[in-house]
Amino acid sequence: REIEVLLPDADKEKVEKFFIAEAGKEMEKGVVFKAVPSMEKGFRIGKKGSNAYYDFTEDAITEAFRTLLNPRIADLLGKGTKRDE
């Protein structure tokens, strides 16, 4: 049962080292870290081989907040995301 963590190139090495240091050999047995060049901030985590992930990328979190805010604030927040450029 492997878990896959997708994250930006710049974060892969330091995050992987942190998790391995914290959880030792147990992490090495079942967690795969993959760098995703198109990802700039955040991470996705899910079961390896599945297309279903928990999405904690910058765009996903911004979009989640936008649904909770009033339309004017949501519009201002949206101007800062890649999706709306």
C-alpha atoms as a PDB file:
ATOM      1  CA  ARG A   1       0.000   0.000   0.000  1.00  0.00           C
ATOM      2  CA  GLU A   2       1.967   2.959  -1.236  1.00  0.00           C
ATOM      3  CA  ILE A   3       1.176   6.639  -0.911  1.00  0.00           C
ATOM      4  CA  GLU A   4       2.314   9.172  -3.467  1.00  0.00           C
ATOM      5  CA  VAL A   5       3.137  12.806  -2.663  1.00  0.00           C
ATOM      6  CA  LEU A   6       3.346  15.176  -5.644  1.00  0.00           C
ATOM      7  CA  LEU A   7       5.083  18.479  -5.050  1.00  0.00           C
ATOM      8  CA  PRO A   8       7.148  21.177  -6.765  1.00  0.00           C
ATOM      9  CA  ASP A   9      10.700  20.352  -7.884  1.00  0.00           C
ATOM     10  CA  ALA A  10      12.115  22.919  -5.490  1.00  0.00           C
ATOM     11  CA  ASP A  11      10.473  21.283  -2.447  1.00  0.00           C
ATOM     12  CA  LYS A  12      10.871  17.569  -3.201  1.00  0.00           C
ATOM     13  CA  GLU A  13      14.294  16.956  -1.690  1.00  0.00           C
ATOM     14  CA  LYS A  14      13.783  18.888   1.557  1.00  0.00           C
ATOM     15  CA  VAL A  15      10.275  17.486   2.169  1.00  0.00           C
ATOM     16  CA  GLU A  16      11.403  13.929   1.436  1.00  0.00           C
ATOM     17  CA  LYS A  17      14.388  14.276   3.796  1.00  0.00           C
ATOM     18  CA  PHE A  18      12.148  15.722   6.516  1.00  0.00           C
ATOM     19  CA  PHE A  19       9.635  12.861   6.328  1.00  0.00           C
ATOM     20  CA  ILE A  20      12.329  10.178   6.201  1.00  0.00           C
ATOM     21  CA  ALA A  21      14.113  11.740   9.179  1.00  0.00           C
ATOM     22  CA  GLU A  22      10.872  11.933  11.167  1.00  0.00           C
ATOM     23  CA  ALA A  23       9.460   8.509  10.373  1.00  0.00           C
ATOM     24  CA  GLY A  24      12.611   6.594   9.507  1.00  0.00           C
ATOM     25  CA  LYS A  25      12.442   3.298   7.665  1.00  0.00           C
ATOM     26  CA  GLU A  26       8.634   3.066   7.780  1.00  0.00           C
ATOM     27  CA  MET A  27       8.329   6.032   5.409  1.00  0.00           C
ATOM     28  CA  GLU A  28      10.815   4.545   2.950  1.00  0.00           C
ATOM     29  CA  LYS A  29       8.703   1.386   2.639  1.00  0.00           C
ATOM     30  CA  GLY A  30       5.496   2.952   1.472  1.00  0.00           C
ATOM     31  CA  VAL A  31       5.750   6.591   0.434  1.00  0.00           C
ATOM     32  CA  VAL A  32       6.864   7.772  -3.008  1.00  0.00           C
ATOM     33  CA  PHE A  33       7.842  11.413  -3.541  1.00  0.00           C
ATOM     34  CA  LYS A  34       7.518  12.722  -7.103  1.00  0.00           C
ATOM     35  CA  ALA A  35       8.560  16.139  -8.348  1.00  0.00           C
ATOM     36  CA  VAL A  36       6.077  17.820 -10.680  1.00  0.00           C
ATOM     37  CA  PRO A  37       7.736  20.589 -12.732  1.00  0.00           C
ATOM     38  CA  SER A  38       4.455  22.403 -13.412  1.00  0.00           C
ATOM     39  CA  MET A  39       3.602  22.630  -9.693  1.00  0.00           C
ATOM     40  CA  GLU A  40       4.910  25.770  -7.985  1.00  0.00           C
ATOM     41  CA  LYS A  41       3.542  25.692  -4.409  1.00  0.00           C
ATOM     42  CA  GLY A  42       1.877  23.128  -2.189  1.00  0.00           C
ATOM     43  CA  PHE A  43       1.428  19.392  -2.718  1.00  0.00           C
ATOM     44  CA  ARG A  44      -1.013  16.629  -3.608  1.00  0.00           C
ATOM     45  CA  ILE A  45      -1.247  13.344  -1.749  1.00  0.00           C
ATOM     46  CA  GLY A  46      -3.062  10.155  -2.663  1.00  0.00           C
ATOM     47  CA  LYS A  47      -2.880   6.427  -3.213  1.00  0.00           C
ATOM     48  CA  LYS A  48      -0.252   5.437  -5.774  1.00  0.00           C
ATOM     49  CA  GLY A  49      -1.746   4.469  -9.132  1.00  0.00           C
ATOM     50  CA  SER A  50      -4.953   6.365  -8.446  1.00  0.00           C
ATOM     51  CA  ASN A  51      -6.038   9.608 -10.047  1.00  0.00           C
ATOM     52  CA  ALA A  52      -7.683  10.733  -6.804  1.00  0.00           C
ATOM     53  CA  TYR A  53      -5.634  13.083  -4.642  1.00  0.00           C
ATOM     54  CA  TYR A  54      -6.114  15.436  -1.743  1.00  0.00           C
ATOM     55  CA  ASP A  55      -5.027  18.697  -3.333  1.00  0.00           C
ATOM     56  CA  PHE A  56      -3.136  21.199  -1.185  1.00  0.00           C
ATOM     57  CA  THR A  57      -1.644  23.210  -4.041  1.00  0.00           C
ATOM     58  CA  GLU A  58      -1.760  26.988  -3.984  1.00  0.00           C
ATOM     59  CA  ASP A  59      -4.453  27.133  -6.683  1.00  0.00           C
ATOM     60  CA  ALA A  60      -6.652  24.503  -4.991  1.00  0.00           C
ATOM     61  CA  ILE A  61      -6.535  26.241  -1.619  1.00  0.00           C
ATOM     62  CA  THR A  62      -7.210  29.626  -3.220  1.00  0.00           C
ATOM     63  CA  GLU A  63     -10.201  28.184  -5.071  1.00  0.00           C
ATOM     64  CA  ALA A  64     -11.549  26.642  -1.854  1.00  0.00           C
ATOM     65  CA  PHE A  65     -11.340  30.006  -0.069  1.00  0.00           C
ATOM     66  CA  ARG A  66     -12.969  31.783  -3.020  1.00  0.00           C
ATOM     67  CA  THR A  67     -16.109  29.664  -2.595  1.00  0.00           C
ATOM     68  CA  LEU A  68     -16.424  30.823   1.027  1.00  0.00           C
ATOM     69  CA  LEU A  69     -15.866  34.546   0.479  1.00  0.00           C
ATOM     70  CA  ASN A  70     -18.195  37.249  -0.748  1.00  0.00           C
ATOM     71  CA  PRO A  71     -17.953  37.809  -4.540  1.00  0.00           C
ATOM     72  CA  ARG A  72     -15.898  41.019  -4.366  1.00  0.00           C
ATOM     73  CA  ILE A  73     -13.205  39.563  -2.116  1.00  0.00           C
ATOM     74  CA  ALA A  74     -13.238  36.312  -4.123  1.00  0.00           C
ATOM     75  CA  ASP A  75     -12.647  38.324  -7.304  1.00  0.00           C
ATOM     76  CA  LEU A  76      -9.662  40.116  -5.746  1.00  0.00           C
ATOM     77  CA  LEU A  77      -8.221  36.834  -4.509  1.00  0.00           C
ATOM     78  CA  GLY A  78      -8.724  35.246  -7.928  1.00  0.00           C
ATOM     79  CA  LYS A  79      -6.613  37.865  -9.672  1.00  0.00           C
ATOM     80  CA  GLY A  80      -3.523  36.412  -8.019  1.00  0.00           C
ATOM     81  CA  THR A  81      -3.847  32.871  -9.322  1.00  0.00           C
ATOM     82  CA  LYS A  82      -2.375  31.407 -12.513  1.00  0.00           C
ATOM     83  CA  ARG A  83      -5.792  30.103 -13.479  1.00  0.00           C
ATOM     84  CA  ASP A  84      -7.231  33.617 -13.809  1.00  0.00           C
ATOM     85  CA  GLU A  85      -4.297  35.271 -15.591  1.00  0.00           C
END
